[in-house]
Amino acid sequence: MILLVNVIAGLLFGFGLLLSGMANPAKVLNFLDVAGHWDASLAFVMGGAVLVTAIGYRLVFRRPKPVLDESFRVPTARQIDSQLVLGAAVFGVGWGLVGLCPGPALVSLPLASPAIVVFVPAMLIGVAAAVWLKR
């Protein structure tokens, strides 16, 4: 049952990325180009996502436990360390250069565009390198 819920959530998330334009690198890059051809539409997408998430968290955390698990698994780390800053910087630079982050890149993989075909393996290599370095 948990696997089915995860698949449905992933499909819904992917559909949302496609519908909102977040899987379109050109739209993302135009959103980031505040000094040029700025496209503010993704700000509304992000604002809507924050609003839905805030409401969802308030409703979900009223329950004593999740429906399909024994307890809530909420991150407890509060400190801002070098790993967090470096990871955020690498993520931001990659997003700004290519207009893709992991979710939209995976959703766009079936398009087999040259940027996606290069980005996804590079992303996976980066993830493997980060795991290897952490050990």
C-alpha atoms as a PDB file:
ATOM      1  CA  MET A   1       0.000   0.000   0.000  1.00  0.00           C
ATOM      2  CA  ILE A   2       2.828   2.413   0.865  1.00  0.00           C
ATOM      3  CA  LEU A   3       4.456   1.773  -2.528  1.00  0.00           C
ATOM      4  CA  LEU A   4       1.182   2.555  -4.321  1.00  0.00           C
ATOM      5  CA  VAL A   5       0.760   5.802  -2.375  1.00  0.00           C
ATOM      6  CA  ASN A   6       4.361   6.776  -3.215  1.00  0.00           C
ATOM      7  CA  VAL A   7       3.833   6.056  -6.922  1.00  0.00           C
ATOM      8  CA  ILE A   8       0.628   8.100  -6.974  1.00  0.00           C
ATOM      9  CA  ALA A   9       2.333  10.966  -5.106  1.00  0.00           C
ATOM     10  CA  GLY A  10       5.263  10.869  -7.546  1.00  0.00           C
ATOM     11  CA  LEU A  11       2.961  10.913 -10.563  1.00  0.00           C
ATOM     12  CA  LEU A  12       0.963  13.790  -9.089  1.00  0.00           C
ATOM     13  CA  PHE A  13       4.162  15.719  -8.363  1.00  0.00           C
ATOM     14  CA  GLY A  14       5.474  15.090 -11.894  1.00  0.00           C
ATOM     15  CA  PHE A  15       2.169  16.179 -13.421  1.00  0.00           C
ATOM     16  CA  GLY A  16       2.271  19.335 -11.306  1.00  0.00           C
ATOM     17  CA  LEU A  17       5.805  20.096 -12.507  1.00  0.00           C
ATOM     18  CA  LEU A  18       4.719  19.699 -16.127  1.00  0.00           C
ATOM     19  CA  LEU A  19       1.510  21.691 -15.693  1.00  0.00           C
ATOM     20  CA  SER A  20       3.256  24.567 -13.890  1.00  0.00           C
ATOM     21  CA  GLY A  21       6.112  24.839 -16.377  1.00  0.00           C
ATOM     22  CA  MET A  22       8.761  23.953 -13.785  1.00  0.00           C
ATOM     23  CA  ALA A  23      10.001  21.169 -16.081  1.00  0.00           C
ATOM     24  CA  ASN A  24      10.698  23.692 -18.854  1.00  0.00           C
ATOM     25  CA  PRO A  25      14.294  24.950 -18.443  1.00  0.00           C
ATOM     26  CA  ALA A  26      13.612  28.061 -20.565  1.00  0.00           C
ATOM     27  CA  LYS A  27      10.726  29.102 -18.294  1.00  0.00           C
ATOM     28  CA  VAL A  28      12.851  28.551 -15.183  1.00  0.00           C
ATOM     29  CA  LEU A  29      15.779  30.515 -16.639  1.00  0.00           C
ATOM     30  CA  ASN A  30      13.422  33.370 -17.572  1.00  0.00           C
ATOM     31  CA  PHE A  31      12.176  33.380 -13.976  1.00  0.00           C
ATOM     32  CA  LEU A  32      15.765  33.680 -12.749  1.00  0.00           C
ATOM     33  CA  ASP A  33      16.589  36.455 -15.255  1.00  0.00           C
ATOM     34  CA  VAL A  34      15.276  39.374 -13.193  1.00  0.00           C
ATOM     35  CA  ALA A  35      17.324  41.897 -15.190  1.00  0.00           C
ATOM     36  CA  GLY A  36      16.174  40.636 -18.594  1.00  0.00           C
ATOM     37  CA  HIS A  37      13.068  38.794 -19.811  1.00  0.00           C
ATOM     38  CA  TRP A  38      11.735  38.078 -16.340  1.00  0.00           C
ATOM     39  CA  ASP A  39       8.772  35.689 -16.164  1.00  0.00           C
ATOM     40  CA  ALA A  40       7.081  36.053 -12.773  1.00  0.00           C
ATOM     41  CA  SER A  41       4.638  33.175 -13.293  1.00  0.00           C
ATOM     42  CA  LEU A  42       6.785  30.698 -11.372  1.00  0.00           C
ATOM     43  CA  ALA A  43       6.618  32.965  -8.326  1.00  0.00           C
ATOM     44  CA  PHE A  44       2.887  32.262  -8.263  1.00  0.00           C
ATOM     45  CA  VAL A  45       3.583  28.529  -8.627  1.00  0.00           C
ATOM     46  CA  MET A  46       5.980  28.667  -5.678  1.00  0.00           C
ATOM     47  CA  GLY A  47       3.595  30.804  -3.631  1.00  0.00           C
ATOM     48  CA  GLY A  48       0.777  28.358  -4.303  1.00  0.00           C
ATOM     49  CA  ALA A  49       3.006  25.445  -3.309  1.00  0.00           C
ATOM     50  CA  VAL A  50       3.972  27.164  -0.051  1.00  0.00           C
ATOM     51  CA  LEU A  51       0.313  27.894   0.745  1.00  0.00           C
ATOM     52  CA  VAL A  52      -0.844  24.317   0.041  1.00  0.00           C
ATOM     53  CA  THR A  53       2.086  22.906   2.042  1.00  0.00           C
ATOM     54  CA  ALA A  54       1.418  25.192   5.010  1.00  0.00           C
ATOM     55  CA  ILE A  55      -2.240  24.158   5.106  1.00  0.00           C
ATOM     56  CA  GLY A  56      -1.311  20.500   4.612  1.00  0.00           C
ATOM     57  CA  TYR A  57       1.183  20.540   7.474  1.00  0.00           C
ATOM     58  CA  ARG A  58      -1.353  22.154   9.826  1.00  0.00           C
ATOM     59  CA  LEU A  59      -3.935  19.473   8.980  1.00  0.00           C
ATOM     60  CA  VAL A  60      -1.565  16.491   8.996  1.00  0.00           C
ATOM     61  CA  PHE A  61       0.171  17.314  12.268  1.00  0.00           C
ATOM     62  CA  ARG A  62      -3.178  17.432  14.073  1.00  0.00           C
ATOM     63  CA  ARG A  63      -3.199  13.652  13.748  1.00  0.00           C
ATOM     64  CA  PRO A  64      -1.445  11.547  16.385  1.00  0.00           C
ATOM     65  CA  LYS A  65       0.470   9.646  13.673  1.00  0.00           C
ATOM     66  CA  PRO A  66       0.585   9.243   9.895  1.00  0.00           C
ATOM     67  CA  VAL A  67      -1.970   6.992   8.229  1.00  0.00           C
ATOM     68  CA  LEU A  68       0.612   4.587   6.780  1.00  0.00           C
ATOM     69  CA  ASP A  69       3.469   4.779   9.310  1.00  0.00           C
ATOM     70  CA  GLU A  70       4.122   4.573  13.036  1.00  0.00           C
ATOM     71  CA  SER A  71       5.428   8.119  13.495  1.00  0.00           C
ATOM     72  CA  PHE A  72       6.154  11.363  11.699  1.00  0.00           C
ATOM     73  CA  ARG A  73       9.702  11.633  10.346  1.00  0.00           C
ATOM     74  CA  VAL A  74      10.557  15.300  10.550  1.00  0.00           C
ATOM     75  CA  PRO A  75      14.146  16.552  10.247  1.00  0.00           C
ATOM     76  CA  THR A  76      15.506  17.693  13.592  1.00  0.00           C
ATOM     77  CA  ALA A  77      18.728  19.428  12.509  1.00  0.00           C
ATOM     78  CA  ARG A  78      18.617  23.168  13.114  1.00  0.00           C
ATOM     79  CA  GLN A  79      22.220  24.267  12.562  1.00  0.00           C
ATOM     80  CA  ILE A  80      23.485  25.875   9.371  1.00  0.00           C
ATOM     81  CA  ASP A  81      26.777  24.165   8.603  1.00  0.00           C
ATOM     82  CA  SER A  82      29.222  24.075   5.704  1.00  0.00           C
ATOM     83  CA  GLN A  83      27.563  21.005   4.151  1.00  0.00           C
ATOM     84  CA  LEU A  84      24.206  22.781   4.010  1.00  0.00           C
ATOM     85  CA  VAL A  85      25.681  25.981   2.559  1.00  0.00           C
ATOM     86  CA  LEU A  86      27.826  24.134   0.003  1.00  0.00           C
ATOM     87  CA  GLY A  87      24.950  21.874  -1.034  1.00  0.00           C
ATOM     88  CA  ALA A  88      22.587  24.828  -1.435  1.00  0.00           C
ATOM     89  CA  ALA A  89      25.208  26.716  -3.451  1.00  0.00           C
ATOM     90  CA  VAL A  90      25.850  23.780  -5.805  1.00  0.00           C
ATOM     91  CA  PHE A  91      22.107  23.234  -6.216  1.00  0.00           C
ATOM     92  CA  GLY A  92      21.520  26.942  -6.926  1.00  0.00           C
ATOM     93  CA  VAL A  93      24.383  27.243  -9.399  1.00  0.00           C
ATOM     94  CA  GLY A  94      23.218  24.129 -11.247  1.00  0.00           C
ATOM     95  CA  TRP A  95      19.626  25.369 -11.322  1.00  0.00           C
ATOM     96  CA  GLY A  96      20.725  28.793 -12.529  1.00  0.00           C
ATOM     97  CA  LEU A  97      23.044  27.472 -15.253  1.00  0.00           C
ATOM     98  CA  VAL A  98      20.765  24.809 -16.698  1.00  0.00           C
ATOM     99  CA  GLY A  99      17.271  25.686 -15.482  1.00  0.00           C
ATOM    100  CA  LEU A 100      16.784  22.197 -14.054  1.00  0.00           C
ATOM    101  CA  CYS A 101      16.748  20.620 -10.643  1.00  0.00           C
ATOM    102  CA  PRO A 102      16.342  16.889  -9.892  1.00  0.00           C
ATOM    103  CA  GLY A 103      12.541  16.592  -9.979  1.00  0.00           C
ATOM    104  CA  PRO A 104      11.938  18.406 -13.269  1.00  0.00           C
ATOM    105  CA  ALA A 105      14.994  16.737 -14.823  1.00  0.00           C
ATOM    106  CA  LEU A 106      13.611  13.265 -14.111  1.00  0.00           C
ATOM    107  CA  VAL A 107      10.141  14.291 -15.321  1.00  0.00           C
ATOM    108  CA  SER A 108      11.707  15.604 -18.561  1.00  0.00           C
ATOM    109  CA  LEU A 109      13.883  12.527 -19.156  1.00  0.00           C
ATOM    110  CA  PRO A 110      11.463  10.923 -21.658  1.00  0.00           C
ATOM    111  CA  LEU A 111      11.912  13.997 -23.896  1.00  0.00           C
ATOM    112  CA  ALA A 112      15.570  12.932 -24.382  1.00  0.00           C
ATOM    113  CA  SER A 113      16.697  16.482 -25.106  1.00  0.00           C
ATOM    114  CA  PRO A 114      20.491  16.904 -25.171  1.00  0.00           C
ATOM    115  CA  ALA A 115      20.463  19.021 -21.990  1.00  0.00           C
ATOM    116  CA  ILE A 116      18.471  16.392 -20.096  1.00  0.00           C
ATOM    117  CA  VAL A 117      20.571  13.508 -21.417  1.00  0.00           C
ATOM    118  CA  VAL A 118      23.708  15.247 -20.104  1.00  0.00           C
ATOM    119  CA  PHE A 119      22.195  16.655 -16.893  1.00  0.00           C
ATOM    120  CA  VAL A 120      20.622  13.505 -15.423  1.00  0.00           C
ATOM    121  CA  PRO A 121      23.774  11.299 -15.570  1.00  0.00           C
ATOM    122  CA  ALA A 122      25.853  14.221 -14.246  1.00  0.00           C
ATOM    123  CA  MET A 123      23.347  14.659 -11.423  1.00  0.00           C
ATOM    124  CA  LEU A 124      23.484  10.955 -10.561  1.00  0.00           C
ATOM    125  CA  ILE A 125      27.295  11.022 -10.597  1.00  0.00           C
ATOM    126  CA  GLY A 126      27.174  14.039  -8.281  1.00  0.00           C
ATOM    127  CA  VAL A 127      24.829  12.239  -5.890  1.00  0.00           C
ATOM    128  CA  ALA A 128      27.078   9.152  -5.892  1.00  0.00           C
ATOM    129  CA  ALA A 129      30.157  11.339  -5.297  1.00  0.00           C
ATOM    130  CA  ALA A 130      28.447  13.126  -2.395  1.00  0.00           C
ATOM    131  CA  VAL A 131      27.494   9.797  -0.794  1.00  0.00           C
ATOM    132  CA  TRP A 132      31.038   8.488  -1.322  1.00  0.00           C
ATOM    133  CA  LEU A 133      32.625  11.657   0.137  1.00  0.00           C
ATOM    134  CA  LYS A 134      30.312  11.562   3.149  1.00  0.00           C
ATOM    135  CA  ARG A 135      31.575   8.072   3.998  1.00  0.00           C
END
